[in-house]
N, C-alpha and C. Protein backbone atom coordinates (compact mmCIF):
# COMPACT_ATOMS: atom_id res chain seq x y z
N MET A 1 0.85 -1.20 0.00
CA MET A 1 0.00 0.00 0.00
C MET A 1 0.88 1.25 0.00
N THR A 2 0.57 2.17 -0.86
CA THR A 2 1.32 3.42 -0.95
C THR A 2 0.50 4.55 -0.34
N LEU A 3 1.11 5.23 0.60
CA LEU A 3 0.43 6.35 1.25
C LEU A 3 0.61 7.61 0.40
N ASP A 4 -0.48 8.33 0.23
CA ASP A 4 -0.44 9.56 -0.55
C ASP A 4 -1.28 10.62 0.18
N PHE A 5 -0.60 11.61 0.73
CA PHE A 5 -1.27 12.65 1.51
C PHE A 5 -1.54 13.91 0.68
N THR A 6 -1.19 13.89 -0.59
CA THR A 6 -1.29 15.09 -1.42
C THR A 6 -2.73 15.62 -1.49
N ALA A 7 -3.68 14.73 -1.76
CA ALA A 7 -5.08 15.16 -1.91
C ALA A 7 -5.64 15.67 -0.59
N ILE A 8 -5.20 15.08 0.52
CA ILE A 8 -5.69 15.52 1.83
C ILE A 8 -5.14 16.89 2.18
N LEU A 9 -3.83 17.07 1.99
CA LEU A 9 -3.21 18.35 2.32
C LEU A 9 -3.68 19.46 1.39
N ALA A 10 -4.10 19.10 0.18
CA ALA A 10 -4.63 20.11 -0.73
C ALA A 10 -5.95 20.69 -0.23
N ARG A 11 -6.60 19.97 0.66
CA ARG A 11 -7.88 20.42 1.24
C ARG A 11 -7.65 20.93 2.67
N TRP A 12 -6.53 21.56 2.89
CA TRP A 12 -6.18 22.05 4.22
C TRP A 12 -7.18 23.08 4.75
N GLN A 13 -7.82 23.82 3.85
CA GLN A 13 -8.77 24.83 4.30
C GLN A 13 -9.97 24.18 5.01
N MET A 14 -10.43 23.04 4.48
CA MET A 14 -11.53 22.32 5.14
C MET A 14 -11.11 21.88 6.53
N LEU A 15 -9.89 21.35 6.63
CA LEU A 15 -9.39 20.91 7.93
C LEU A 15 -9.23 22.09 8.88
N ALA A 16 -8.76 23.22 8.35
CA ALA A 16 -8.58 24.41 9.19
C ALA A 16 -9.92 24.93 9.71
N ASP A 17 -10.93 24.94 8.84
CA ASP A 17 -12.27 25.38 9.26
C ASP A 17 -12.84 24.43 10.31
N GLY A 18 -12.67 23.13 10.08
CA GLY A 18 -13.15 22.16 11.06
C GLY A 18 -12.43 22.27 12.38
N LEU A 19 -11.11 22.51 12.32
CA LEU A 19 -10.33 22.69 13.55
C LEU A 19 -10.79 23.92 14.31
N MET A 20 -11.05 25.00 13.60
CA MET A 20 -11.50 26.24 14.25
C MET A 20 -12.82 26.02 14.98
N LEU A 21 -13.75 25.30 14.35
CA LEU A 21 -15.03 25.04 15.01
C LEU A 21 -14.83 24.13 16.22
N THR A 22 -13.95 23.16 16.11
CA THR A 22 -13.65 22.28 17.26
C THR A 22 -13.12 23.10 18.43
N ILE A 23 -12.22 24.03 18.14
CA ILE A 23 -11.66 24.89 19.21
C ILE A 23 -12.75 25.75 19.82
N GLN A 24 -13.62 26.30 18.98
CA GLN A 24 -14.71 27.14 19.48
C GLN A 24 -15.67 26.34 20.36
N LEU A 25 -16.02 25.14 19.92
CA LEU A 25 -16.89 24.28 20.72
C LEU A 25 -16.26 23.98 22.06
N ALA A 26 -14.97 23.65 22.05
CA ALA A 26 -14.27 23.31 23.29
C ALA A 26 -14.21 24.51 24.23
N ALA A 27 -13.91 25.70 23.69
CA ALA A 27 -13.77 26.89 24.52
C ALA A 27 -15.09 27.28 25.18
N VAL A 28 -16.15 27.33 24.37
CA VAL A 28 -17.46 27.75 24.89
C VAL A 28 -17.99 26.75 25.92
N THR A 29 -17.94 25.48 25.59
CA THR A 29 -18.53 24.47 26.49
C THR A 29 -17.67 24.21 27.72
N THR A 30 -16.37 24.47 27.65
CA THR A 30 -15.53 24.38 28.84
C THR A 30 -15.99 25.40 29.88
N LEU A 31 -16.22 26.63 29.44
CA LEU A 31 -16.65 27.68 30.36
C LEU A 31 -18.05 27.43 30.89
N THR A 32 -19.00 27.19 29.99
CA THR A 32 -20.39 26.99 30.43
C THR A 32 -20.53 25.70 31.24
N GLY A 33 -19.80 24.66 30.84
CA GLY A 33 -19.86 23.40 31.58
C GLY A 33 -19.29 23.54 32.98
N PHE A 34 -18.23 24.34 33.11
CA PHE A 34 -17.65 24.56 34.44
C PHE A 34 -18.63 25.29 35.35
N LEU A 35 -19.28 26.32 34.81
CA LEU A 35 -20.24 27.07 35.62
C LEU A 35 -21.41 26.19 36.06
N ILE A 36 -21.98 25.43 35.12
CA ILE A 36 -23.10 24.54 35.45
C ILE A 36 -22.65 23.47 36.44
N GLY A 37 -21.47 22.89 36.20
CA GLY A 37 -20.97 21.86 37.09
C GLY A 37 -20.73 22.36 38.50
N THR A 38 -20.21 23.57 38.63
CA THR A 38 -19.96 24.14 39.95
C THR A 38 -21.26 24.37 40.70
N PHE A 39 -22.25 24.93 40.03
CA PHE A 39 -23.55 25.16 40.68
C PHE A 39 -24.21 23.83 41.06
N CYS A 40 -24.07 22.82 40.21
CA CYS A 40 -24.64 21.51 40.53
C CYS A 40 -23.92 20.86 41.71
N ALA A 41 -22.61 21.06 41.78
CA ALA A 41 -21.85 20.53 42.93
C ALA A 41 -22.33 21.17 44.22
N ILE A 42 -22.56 22.48 44.18
CA ILE A 42 -23.08 23.18 45.36
C ILE A 42 -24.48 22.68 45.70
N ALA A 43 -25.31 22.47 44.66
CA ALA A 43 -26.67 21.99 44.89
C ALA A 43 -26.66 20.60 45.53
N ARG A 44 -25.73 19.74 45.11
CA ARG A 44 -25.67 18.39 45.66
C ARG A 44 -25.21 18.38 47.11
N ARG A 45 -24.57 19.46 47.55
CA ARG A 45 -24.11 19.55 48.93
C ARG A 45 -25.03 20.41 49.78
N SER A 46 -26.11 20.92 49.18
CA SER A 46 -26.99 21.82 49.90
C SER A 46 -27.94 21.04 50.82
N ASP A 47 -28.60 21.80 51.69
CA ASP A 47 -29.58 21.20 52.60
C ASP A 47 -30.99 21.21 52.00
N VAL A 48 -31.12 21.79 50.81
CA VAL A 48 -32.43 21.83 50.15
C VAL A 48 -32.61 20.51 49.40
N VAL A 49 -33.52 19.68 49.89
CA VAL A 49 -33.67 18.32 49.36
C VAL A 49 -34.03 18.33 47.88
N PHE A 50 -34.91 19.24 47.49
CA PHE A 50 -35.35 19.30 46.09
C PHE A 50 -34.16 19.56 45.16
N LEU A 51 -33.35 20.57 45.49
CA LEU A 51 -32.19 20.89 44.67
C LEU A 51 -31.20 19.73 44.63
N LYS A 52 -31.00 19.12 45.78
CA LYS A 52 -30.05 18.00 45.87
C LYS A 52 -30.49 16.85 44.97
N ARG A 53 -31.78 16.53 44.97
CA ARG A 53 -32.27 15.41 44.17
C ARG A 53 -32.24 15.72 42.68
N ILE A 54 -32.60 16.94 42.31
CA ILE A 54 -32.56 17.33 40.90
C ILE A 54 -31.12 17.26 40.37
N ALA A 55 -30.19 17.80 41.14
CA ALA A 55 -28.79 17.79 40.72
C ALA A 55 -28.26 16.36 40.65
N ALA A 56 -28.63 15.53 41.61
CA ALA A 56 -28.19 14.13 41.62
C ALA A 56 -28.74 13.38 40.42
N PHE A 57 -30.01 13.61 40.10
CA PHE A 57 -30.62 12.94 38.94
C PHE A 57 -29.91 13.35 37.66
N TYR A 58 -29.67 14.64 37.50
CA TYR A 58 -28.99 15.15 36.31
C TYR A 58 -27.61 14.51 36.15
N VAL A 59 -26.83 14.52 37.22
CA VAL A 59 -25.46 13.98 37.16
C VAL A 59 -25.47 12.49 36.82
N GLU A 60 -26.31 11.73 37.51
CA GLU A 60 -26.34 10.29 37.29
C GLU A 60 -26.89 9.93 35.91
N ALA A 61 -27.88 10.68 35.45
CA ALA A 61 -28.45 10.41 34.13
C ALA A 61 -27.43 10.64 33.03
N ILE A 62 -26.66 11.70 33.14
CA ILE A 62 -25.66 12.01 32.11
C ILE A 62 -24.48 11.06 32.19
N ARG A 63 -24.02 10.77 33.37
CA ARG A 63 -22.82 9.93 33.52
C ARG A 63 -23.08 8.46 33.18
N ASN A 64 -24.33 8.08 33.09
CA ASN A 64 -24.65 6.68 32.84
C ASN A 64 -25.37 6.44 31.51
N THR A 65 -25.25 7.41 30.61
CA THR A 65 -25.79 7.24 29.26
C THR A 65 -24.73 7.67 28.25
N PRO A 66 -24.72 7.06 27.06
CA PRO A 66 -23.71 7.41 26.05
C PRO A 66 -23.89 8.83 25.55
N PHE A 67 -22.77 9.47 25.27
CA PHE A 67 -22.82 10.85 24.79
C PHE A 67 -23.55 10.95 23.45
N LEU A 68 -23.37 9.96 22.58
CA LEU A 68 -24.06 9.97 21.29
C LEU A 68 -25.57 9.97 21.47
N VAL A 69 -26.05 9.19 22.41
CA VAL A 69 -27.49 9.15 22.69
C VAL A 69 -27.95 10.51 23.22
N GLN A 70 -27.15 11.14 24.06
CA GLN A 70 -27.50 12.45 24.60
C GLN A 70 -27.62 13.48 23.48
N ILE A 71 -26.71 13.43 22.52
CA ILE A 71 -26.79 14.36 21.39
C ILE A 71 -28.08 14.17 20.61
N PHE A 72 -28.43 12.91 20.35
CA PHE A 72 -29.66 12.63 19.60
C PHE A 72 -30.90 13.05 20.39
N VAL A 73 -30.87 12.86 21.70
CA VAL A 73 -32.01 13.28 22.53
C VAL A 73 -32.19 14.79 22.43
N VAL A 74 -31.09 15.53 22.54
CA VAL A 74 -31.18 17.00 22.44
C VAL A 74 -31.60 17.41 21.03
N TYR A 75 -30.98 16.81 20.02
CA TYR A 75 -31.22 17.19 18.63
C TYR A 75 -32.68 16.92 18.22
N PHE A 76 -33.12 15.69 18.43
CA PHE A 76 -34.48 15.33 18.02
C PHE A 76 -35.53 15.82 19.03
N GLY A 77 -35.13 15.91 20.29
CA GLY A 77 -36.06 16.38 21.32
C GLY A 77 -36.45 17.82 21.10
N LEU A 78 -35.45 18.68 20.84
CA LEU A 78 -35.74 20.09 20.60
C LEU A 78 -36.59 20.27 19.33
N SER A 79 -36.28 19.45 18.31
CA SER A 79 -37.05 19.54 17.06
C SER A 79 -38.51 19.15 17.28
N SER A 80 -38.73 18.10 18.07
CA SER A 80 -40.10 17.65 18.33
C SER A 80 -40.90 18.66 19.15
N LEU A 81 -40.19 19.49 19.91
CA LEU A 81 -40.86 20.52 20.70
C LEU A 81 -41.06 21.81 19.91
N GLY A 82 -40.62 21.80 18.67
CA GLY A 82 -40.83 22.97 17.82
C GLY A 82 -39.70 23.97 17.81
N PHE A 83 -38.58 23.62 18.44
CA PHE A 83 -37.44 24.53 18.45
C PHE A 83 -36.49 24.15 17.32
N SER A 84 -36.09 25.15 16.55
CA SER A 84 -35.20 24.91 15.42
C SER A 84 -33.87 25.61 15.68
N PHE A 85 -32.83 24.80 15.92
CA PHE A 85 -31.50 25.33 16.17
C PHE A 85 -30.53 24.73 15.15
N SER A 86 -29.45 25.44 14.93
CA SER A 86 -28.41 24.92 14.04
C SER A 86 -27.70 23.75 14.71
N ALA A 87 -27.00 22.96 13.89
CA ALA A 87 -26.27 21.82 14.43
C ALA A 87 -25.21 22.26 15.44
N VAL A 88 -24.60 23.42 15.19
CA VAL A 88 -23.57 23.92 16.10
C VAL A 88 -24.17 24.27 17.46
N THR A 89 -25.34 24.92 17.43
CA THR A 89 -26.01 25.28 18.69
C THR A 89 -26.39 24.03 19.48
N VAL A 90 -26.92 23.03 18.80
CA VAL A 90 -27.27 21.78 19.46
C VAL A 90 -26.02 21.11 20.02
N ALA A 91 -24.92 21.17 19.27
CA ALA A 91 -23.67 20.59 19.74
C ALA A 91 -23.20 21.27 21.02
N ILE A 92 -23.31 22.60 21.07
CA ILE A 92 -22.91 23.34 22.28
C ILE A 92 -23.79 22.94 23.46
N ILE A 93 -25.09 22.84 23.24
CA ILE A 93 -26.00 22.46 24.32
C ILE A 93 -25.68 21.07 24.84
N ALA A 94 -25.51 20.12 23.93
CA ALA A 94 -25.24 18.73 24.33
C ALA A 94 -23.90 18.60 25.03
N LEU A 95 -22.87 19.25 24.51
CA LEU A 95 -21.55 19.18 25.13
C LEU A 95 -21.56 19.83 26.51
N THR A 96 -22.27 20.95 26.64
CA THR A 96 -22.35 21.63 27.93
C THR A 96 -23.05 20.76 28.96
N ILE A 97 -24.16 20.16 28.57
CA ILE A 97 -24.89 19.28 29.49
C ILE A 97 -24.00 18.12 29.92
N ASN A 98 -23.27 17.56 28.97
CA ASN A 98 -22.42 16.41 29.29
C ASN A 98 -21.28 16.78 30.22
N VAL A 99 -20.51 17.78 29.86
CA VAL A 99 -19.34 18.11 30.69
C VAL A 99 -19.76 18.72 32.03
N GLY A 100 -20.94 19.34 32.07
CA GLY A 100 -21.41 19.90 33.33
C GLY A 100 -21.60 18.83 34.39
N ALA A 101 -22.11 17.66 33.98
CA ALA A 101 -22.33 16.57 34.94
C ALA A 101 -21.01 16.04 35.49
N TYR A 102 -20.04 15.86 34.63
CA TYR A 102 -18.73 15.35 35.08
C TYR A 102 -18.00 16.39 35.93
N THR A 103 -18.12 17.66 35.54
CA THR A 103 -17.51 18.73 36.31
C THR A 103 -18.14 18.83 37.70
N ALA A 104 -19.44 18.58 37.78
CA ALA A 104 -20.13 18.63 39.07
C ALA A 104 -19.53 17.65 40.06
N GLU A 105 -19.24 16.44 39.62
CA GLU A 105 -18.65 15.44 40.52
C GLU A 105 -17.22 15.80 40.89
N ILE A 106 -16.48 16.35 39.94
CA ILE A 106 -15.11 16.76 40.25
C ILE A 106 -15.10 17.89 41.27
N MET A 107 -15.95 18.90 41.06
CA MET A 107 -15.99 20.03 41.99
C MET A 107 -16.57 19.61 43.34
N ARG A 108 -17.52 18.68 43.34
CA ARG A 108 -18.05 18.21 44.62
C ARG A 108 -16.95 17.55 45.44
N ALA A 109 -16.10 16.76 44.77
CA ALA A 109 -14.97 16.16 45.47
C ALA A 109 -14.03 17.23 46.01
N GLY A 110 -13.86 18.30 45.22
CA GLY A 110 -13.01 19.40 45.68
C GLY A 110 -13.58 20.10 46.90
N PHE A 111 -14.88 20.36 46.89
CA PHE A 111 -15.51 21.00 48.05
C PHE A 111 -15.47 20.08 49.27
N ASP A 112 -15.66 18.79 49.04
CA ASP A 112 -15.62 17.84 50.16
C ASP A 112 -14.23 17.76 50.78
N SER A 113 -13.20 18.11 50.01
CA SER A 113 -11.83 18.03 50.53
C SER A 113 -11.47 19.22 51.42
N ILE A 114 -12.30 20.26 51.41
CA ILE A 114 -12.04 21.42 52.26
C ILE A 114 -12.29 21.04 53.72
N HIS A 115 -11.32 21.34 54.58
CA HIS A 115 -11.43 20.96 55.99
C HIS A 115 -12.63 21.64 56.64
N ARG A 116 -13.28 20.89 57.50
CA ARG A 116 -14.49 21.41 58.16
C ARG A 116 -14.20 22.72 58.90
N GLY A 117 -12.99 22.84 59.43
CA GLY A 117 -12.64 24.05 60.17
C GLY A 117 -12.71 25.30 59.33
N GLN A 118 -12.43 25.18 58.03
CA GLN A 118 -12.52 26.35 57.15
C GLN A 118 -13.96 26.78 56.93
N TRP A 119 -14.86 25.80 56.82
CA TRP A 119 -16.28 26.13 56.71
C TRP A 119 -16.76 26.83 57.99
N GLU A 120 -16.33 26.30 59.12
CA GLU A 120 -16.74 26.88 60.41
C GLU A 120 -16.16 28.27 60.60
N ALA A 121 -14.94 28.47 60.09
CA ALA A 121 -14.33 29.80 60.18
C ALA A 121 -15.13 30.82 59.39
N GLY A 122 -15.61 30.40 58.23
CA GLY A 122 -16.45 31.30 57.43
C GLY A 122 -17.72 31.67 58.17
N GLU A 123 -18.34 30.69 58.84
CA GLU A 123 -19.55 30.96 59.60
C GLU A 123 -19.27 31.90 60.76
N CYS A 124 -18.12 31.71 61.42
CA CYS A 124 -17.75 32.58 62.54
C CYS A 124 -17.53 34.02 62.10
N LEU A 125 -17.09 34.19 60.88
CA LEU A 125 -16.88 35.54 60.35
C LEU A 125 -18.18 36.18 59.89
N GLY A 126 -19.28 35.45 59.98
CA GLY A 126 -20.58 35.98 59.58
C GLY A 126 -20.86 35.88 58.10
N LEU A 127 -20.10 35.04 57.40
CA LEU A 127 -20.33 34.89 55.97
C LEU A 127 -21.54 34.00 55.72
N SER A 128 -22.29 34.34 54.69
CA SER A 128 -23.39 33.48 54.29
C SER A 128 -22.81 32.23 53.62
N ARG A 129 -23.70 31.26 53.33
CA ARG A 129 -23.22 30.03 52.68
C ARG A 129 -22.62 30.35 51.32
N ALA A 130 -23.28 31.22 50.57
CA ALA A 130 -22.77 31.59 49.24
C ALA A 130 -21.43 32.32 49.35
N GLN A 131 -21.29 33.21 50.33
CA GLN A 131 -20.04 33.93 50.52
C GLN A 131 -18.92 32.99 50.96
N THR A 132 -19.26 32.00 51.75
CA THR A 132 -18.25 31.03 52.19
C THR A 132 -17.73 30.24 51.00
N TYR A 133 -18.64 29.83 50.13
CA TYR A 133 -18.21 29.13 48.92
C TYR A 133 -17.29 30.03 48.10
N TRP A 134 -17.68 31.29 47.92
CA TRP A 134 -16.93 32.18 47.04
C TRP A 134 -15.57 32.56 47.64
N HIS A 135 -15.54 32.93 48.91
CA HIS A 135 -14.33 33.46 49.53
C HIS A 135 -13.44 32.38 50.15
N VAL A 136 -14.02 31.26 50.54
CA VAL A 136 -13.27 30.25 51.29
C VAL A 136 -13.01 28.98 50.49
N ALA A 137 -14.03 28.44 49.82
CA ALA A 137 -13.94 27.09 49.29
C ALA A 137 -13.58 27.01 47.80
N LEU A 138 -14.02 27.97 47.00
CA LEU A 138 -13.92 27.82 45.55
C LEU A 138 -12.47 27.72 45.06
N ARG A 139 -11.61 28.63 45.50
CA ARG A 139 -10.24 28.62 45.00
C ARG A 139 -9.47 27.36 45.39
N PRO A 140 -9.45 26.97 46.68
CA PRO A 140 -8.73 25.73 47.00
C PRO A 140 -9.33 24.48 46.37
N ALA A 141 -10.66 24.46 46.25
CA ALA A 141 -11.30 23.30 45.60
C ALA A 141 -10.89 23.20 44.14
N MET A 142 -10.88 24.35 43.45
CA MET A 142 -10.46 24.36 42.05
C MET A 142 -9.00 23.96 41.92
N GLU A 143 -8.17 24.47 42.79
CA GLU A 143 -6.73 24.18 42.70
C GLU A 143 -6.45 22.70 42.92
N ARG A 144 -7.14 22.10 43.88
CA ARG A 144 -6.92 20.69 44.17
C ARG A 144 -7.42 19.79 43.04
N MET A 145 -8.51 20.18 42.43
CA MET A 145 -9.10 19.35 41.39
C MET A 145 -8.71 19.80 39.98
N TYR A 146 -7.82 20.77 39.88
CA TYR A 146 -7.46 21.33 38.58
C TYR A 146 -6.95 20.29 37.59
N PRO A 147 -6.06 19.38 37.99
CA PRO A 147 -5.63 18.35 37.03
C PRO A 147 -6.79 17.51 36.49
N SER A 148 -7.74 17.16 37.36
CA SER A 148 -8.90 16.39 36.90
C SER A 148 -9.79 17.22 35.99
N LEU A 149 -9.93 18.49 36.31
CA LEU A 149 -10.74 19.37 35.47
C LEU A 149 -10.14 19.52 34.09
N THR A 150 -8.83 19.75 34.02
CA THR A 150 -8.18 19.93 32.73
C THR A 150 -8.28 18.66 31.88
N SER A 151 -8.11 17.51 32.52
CA SER A 151 -8.25 16.25 31.78
C SER A 151 -9.66 16.08 31.23
N GLN A 152 -10.65 16.47 32.04
CA GLN A 152 -12.03 16.36 31.59
C GLN A 152 -12.32 17.30 30.43
N PHE A 153 -11.76 18.50 30.46
CA PHE A 153 -12.00 19.45 29.39
C PHE A 153 -11.31 19.02 28.09
N ILE A 154 -10.17 18.36 28.21
CA ILE A 154 -9.52 17.83 27.01
C ILE A 154 -10.34 16.67 26.43
N LEU A 155 -10.86 15.83 27.32
CA LEU A 155 -11.76 14.76 26.85
C LEU A 155 -13.00 15.35 26.18
N LEU A 156 -13.46 16.47 26.69
CA LEU A 156 -14.60 17.17 26.08
C LEU A 156 -14.26 17.58 24.65
N MET A 157 -13.07 18.14 24.46
CA MET A 157 -12.66 18.54 23.11
C MET A 157 -12.64 17.34 22.17
N LEU A 158 -12.12 16.22 22.64
CA LEU A 158 -12.08 15.01 21.82
C LEU A 158 -13.49 14.48 21.55
N ALA A 159 -14.36 14.59 22.56
CA ALA A 159 -15.73 14.10 22.40
C ALA A 159 -16.52 14.94 21.41
N SER A 160 -16.06 16.17 21.15
CA SER A 160 -16.78 17.01 20.19
C SER A 160 -16.82 16.38 18.81
N SER A 161 -15.92 15.40 18.56
CA SER A 161 -15.93 14.71 17.26
C SER A 161 -17.25 13.99 17.01
N VAL A 162 -17.94 13.61 18.09
CA VAL A 162 -19.20 12.88 17.95
C VAL A 162 -20.28 13.78 17.36
N THR A 163 -20.14 15.09 17.51
CA THR A 163 -21.16 16.01 16.99
C THR A 163 -21.21 16.01 15.47
N SER A 164 -20.23 15.38 14.83
CA SER A 164 -20.30 15.23 13.38
C SER A 164 -21.52 14.40 12.96
N GLN A 165 -22.06 13.61 13.90
CA GLN A 165 -23.23 12.78 13.60
C GLN A 165 -24.50 13.60 13.39
N ILE A 166 -24.49 14.87 13.85
CA ILE A 166 -25.64 15.74 13.61
C ILE A 166 -25.26 16.85 12.62
N SER A 167 -24.18 16.60 11.87
CA SER A 167 -23.73 17.51 10.80
C SER A 167 -23.11 18.80 11.29
N ALA A 168 -22.61 18.81 12.53
CA ALA A 168 -21.79 19.94 12.96
C ALA A 168 -20.46 19.83 12.23
N GLU A 169 -20.06 20.88 11.53
CA GLU A 169 -18.93 20.79 10.61
C GLU A 169 -17.61 21.02 11.32
N GLU A 170 -17.35 20.21 12.35
CA GLU A 170 -16.07 20.32 13.06
C GLU A 170 -15.04 19.44 12.37
N LEU A 171 -13.94 19.15 13.05
CA LEU A 171 -12.80 18.52 12.41
C LEU A 171 -13.11 17.12 11.87
N THR A 172 -13.81 16.31 12.64
CA THR A 172 -14.13 14.96 12.18
C THR A 172 -15.09 14.99 11.00
N ALA A 173 -16.05 15.91 11.02
CA ALA A 173 -16.96 16.05 9.89
C ALA A 173 -16.21 16.45 8.63
N ALA A 174 -15.22 17.34 8.78
CA ALA A 174 -14.39 17.72 7.64
C ALA A 174 -13.62 16.52 7.11
N ALA A 175 -13.11 15.70 8.03
CA ALA A 175 -12.39 14.50 7.62
C ALA A 175 -13.30 13.53 6.87
N ASN A 176 -14.51 13.37 7.37
CA ASN A 176 -15.46 12.47 6.69
C ASN A 176 -15.73 12.93 5.26
N PHE A 177 -15.86 14.23 5.10
CA PHE A 177 -16.13 14.77 3.77
C PHE A 177 -14.91 14.59 2.86
N ILE A 178 -13.72 14.84 3.39
CA ILE A 178 -12.50 14.73 2.59
C ILE A 178 -12.26 13.29 2.13
N GLN A 179 -12.44 12.34 3.05
CA GLN A 179 -12.19 10.95 2.67
C GLN A 179 -13.21 10.44 1.65
N SER A 180 -14.42 10.98 1.69
CA SER A 180 -15.43 10.58 0.70
C SER A 180 -15.12 11.15 -0.68
N GLU A 181 -14.40 12.28 -0.69
CA GLU A 181 -14.00 12.89 -1.96
C GLU A 181 -12.74 12.28 -2.54
N THR A 182 -11.78 11.96 -1.66
CA THR A 182 -10.46 11.53 -2.13
C THR A 182 -10.31 10.01 -2.18
N TYR A 183 -11.21 9.29 -1.50
CA TYR A 183 -11.09 7.84 -1.38
C TYR A 183 -9.76 7.45 -0.71
N ARG A 184 -9.32 8.31 0.23
CA ARG A 184 -8.11 8.06 0.98
C ARG A 184 -8.42 8.13 2.48
N PRO A 185 -9.24 7.19 2.98
CA PRO A 185 -9.65 7.27 4.38
C PRO A 185 -8.49 7.10 5.36
N PHE A 186 -7.57 6.18 5.05
CA PHE A 186 -6.47 5.92 5.98
C PHE A 186 -5.61 7.17 6.16
N GLU A 187 -5.20 7.79 5.05
CA GLU A 187 -4.38 8.99 5.14
C GLU A 187 -5.14 10.14 5.79
N THR A 188 -6.43 10.24 5.46
CA THR A 188 -7.24 11.33 6.03
C THR A 188 -7.28 11.25 7.54
N TYR A 189 -7.58 10.07 8.06
CA TYR A 189 -7.73 9.95 9.51
C TYR A 189 -6.39 9.93 10.24
N ILE A 190 -5.31 9.60 9.55
CA ILE A 190 -3.99 9.77 10.15
C ILE A 190 -3.72 11.25 10.39
N VAL A 191 -4.00 12.07 9.36
CA VAL A 191 -3.80 13.52 9.49
C VAL A 191 -4.67 14.09 10.60
N VAL A 192 -5.92 13.67 10.64
CA VAL A 192 -6.84 14.19 11.66
C VAL A 192 -6.43 13.74 13.06
N ALA A 193 -5.97 12.51 13.18
CA ALA A 193 -5.50 12.02 14.48
C ALA A 193 -4.31 12.85 14.96
N LEU A 194 -3.41 13.18 14.06
CA LEU A 194 -2.25 14.01 14.43
C LEU A 194 -2.69 15.41 14.84
N ILE A 195 -3.72 15.94 14.17
CA ILE A 195 -4.23 17.27 14.55
C ILE A 195 -4.84 17.22 15.95
N TYR A 196 -5.64 16.19 16.22
CA TYR A 196 -6.22 16.06 17.56
C TYR A 196 -5.13 15.91 18.61
N LEU A 197 -4.10 15.12 18.30
CA LEU A 197 -2.99 14.95 19.24
C LEU A 197 -2.30 16.27 19.53
N ALA A 198 -2.02 17.04 18.47
CA ALA A 198 -1.38 18.33 18.66
C ALA A 198 -2.26 19.29 19.46
N LEU A 199 -3.56 19.28 19.17
CA LEU A 199 -4.48 20.16 19.88
C LEU A 199 -4.57 19.78 21.35
N SER A 200 -4.57 18.49 21.66
CA SER A 200 -4.58 18.05 23.05
C SER A 200 -3.34 18.52 23.79
N LEU A 201 -2.19 18.41 23.16
CA LEU A 201 -0.94 18.84 23.79
C LEU A 201 -0.92 20.35 24.01
N VAL A 202 -1.43 21.09 23.03
CA VAL A 202 -1.49 22.55 23.17
C VAL A 202 -2.43 22.93 24.30
N MET A 203 -3.58 22.26 24.40
CA MET A 203 -4.52 22.55 25.48
C MET A 203 -3.90 22.24 26.84
N ARG A 204 -3.18 21.14 26.95
CA ARG A 204 -2.50 20.81 28.20
C ARG A 204 -1.50 21.89 28.58
N LEU A 205 -0.77 22.39 27.58
CA LEU A 205 0.21 23.45 27.84
C LEU A 205 -0.48 24.73 28.30
N ILE A 206 -1.59 25.07 27.65
CA ILE A 206 -2.33 26.28 28.04
C ILE A 206 -2.89 26.15 29.45
N PHE A 207 -3.49 25.01 29.76
CA PHE A 207 -4.03 24.81 31.11
C PHE A 207 -2.91 24.83 32.15
N TRP A 208 -1.77 24.23 31.82
CA TRP A 208 -0.64 24.22 32.75
C TRP A 208 -0.16 25.65 33.02
N ALA A 209 -0.01 26.46 31.96
CA ALA A 209 0.43 27.84 32.12
C ALA A 209 -0.59 28.66 32.90
N PHE A 210 -1.87 28.41 32.63
CA PHE A 210 -2.93 29.12 33.35
C PHE A 210 -2.86 28.83 34.85
N GLY A 211 -2.74 27.55 35.20
CA GLY A 211 -2.64 27.18 36.61
C GLY A 211 -1.41 27.76 37.26
N LEU A 212 -0.30 27.77 36.54
CA LEU A 212 0.95 28.28 37.08
C LEU A 212 0.88 29.78 37.34
N LEU A 213 0.16 30.49 36.51
CA LEU A 213 0.07 31.95 36.64
C LEU A 213 -1.02 32.39 37.60
N VAL A 214 -2.16 31.71 37.57
CA VAL A 214 -3.33 32.21 38.29
C VAL A 214 -3.36 31.78 39.75
N PHE A 215 -3.15 30.50 40.04
CA PHE A 215 -3.34 30.03 41.41
C PHE A 215 -2.39 30.65 42.43
N PRO A 216 -1.11 30.84 42.11
CA PRO A 216 -0.25 31.53 43.08
C PRO A 216 -0.73 32.95 43.40
N ARG A 217 -1.22 33.66 42.38
CA ARG A 217 -1.73 35.01 42.61
C ARG A 217 -2.99 34.99 43.47
N LEU A 218 -3.86 34.00 43.22
CA LEU A 218 -5.07 33.90 44.04
C LEU A 218 -4.73 33.55 45.49
N ARG A 219 -3.69 32.73 45.69
CA ARG A 219 -3.27 32.40 47.05
C ARG A 219 -2.76 33.64 47.76
N ARG A 220 -1.95 34.44 47.06
CA ARG A 220 -1.42 35.67 47.65
C ARG A 220 -2.54 36.66 47.95
N LEU A 221 -3.51 36.75 47.04
CA LEU A 221 -4.65 37.63 47.25
C LEU A 221 -5.45 37.19 48.46
N GLY A 222 -5.66 35.87 48.59
CA GLY A 222 -6.41 35.35 49.73
C GLY A 222 -5.68 35.60 51.04
N THR A 223 -4.36 35.50 51.02
CA THR A 223 -3.57 35.74 52.23
C THR A 223 -3.63 37.19 52.64
N SER A 224 -3.57 38.11 51.64
CA SER A 224 -3.61 39.54 51.94
C SER A 224 -4.95 39.97 52.49
N LEU A 225 -6.02 39.27 52.03
CA LEU A 225 -7.36 39.61 52.54
C LEU A 225 -7.55 39.07 53.95
C-alpha cells in the first residue's frame, strides 16, 4: 500500500475550518460546563432536598448514558418541541450538558476536601453560605481538582468529534467529507489524528500555564485579605 497525503493536504482549508469550530466548541462548552458543574456541585451539597435530588438525577443520568445518545435526545427532542437550532447550537447544548455533569462530581470532590474548620471559620466571620463558597472554598477546591478538570476538558474537546453525527462541521466532519471525496480514508484519519494529538498537547500546555500563573496570585490575594 502506498500512502499519498497530497489530496488531503490540498484540502487544508476544510481541515482548518473544522479545527477552528472544534476549538470554538471546546472553549465555549468548557466555560459553560464549568459554571453549570460548579452550581450543581453546590446543589448536591446543599440542605435543600429538592435541589439536591434534581442535581443528583442530572449527574447520574448524564454519567450513565452514552454521549451519542445524549446528542440525539437533544437534537431530536428540541425539534419535536418545535425549536429549530443549528447543528452547532445543538452541539454546544449537548456538550455543555455532558461536561457539566462530570464537572459537578469533580468540583463536589473538591468541596468535600475542604477541611471542616474552614467552613466553620467562614460561619464565625458571619459569611453566608454563598459567601463562604466564594471566599473560602472555591479557590482551594479548584486548585486541588485542577488536574482532573483539565483532563475532563480535554476529553470534552475530543468528544466534540461525535457532533459530526448531527452535521456539525467540526474537524471529524471535515475529515469524513475529505475521505469521501479523495477515497483516501487511511491517510485522512492519520492527518486528523495528528491534529487532535497536537491540539490536546497545546490545550494541556495552556491549562498548565494558566494554573501556574493564576493560582499563586489567588493564594497571595487570599492571604492579603
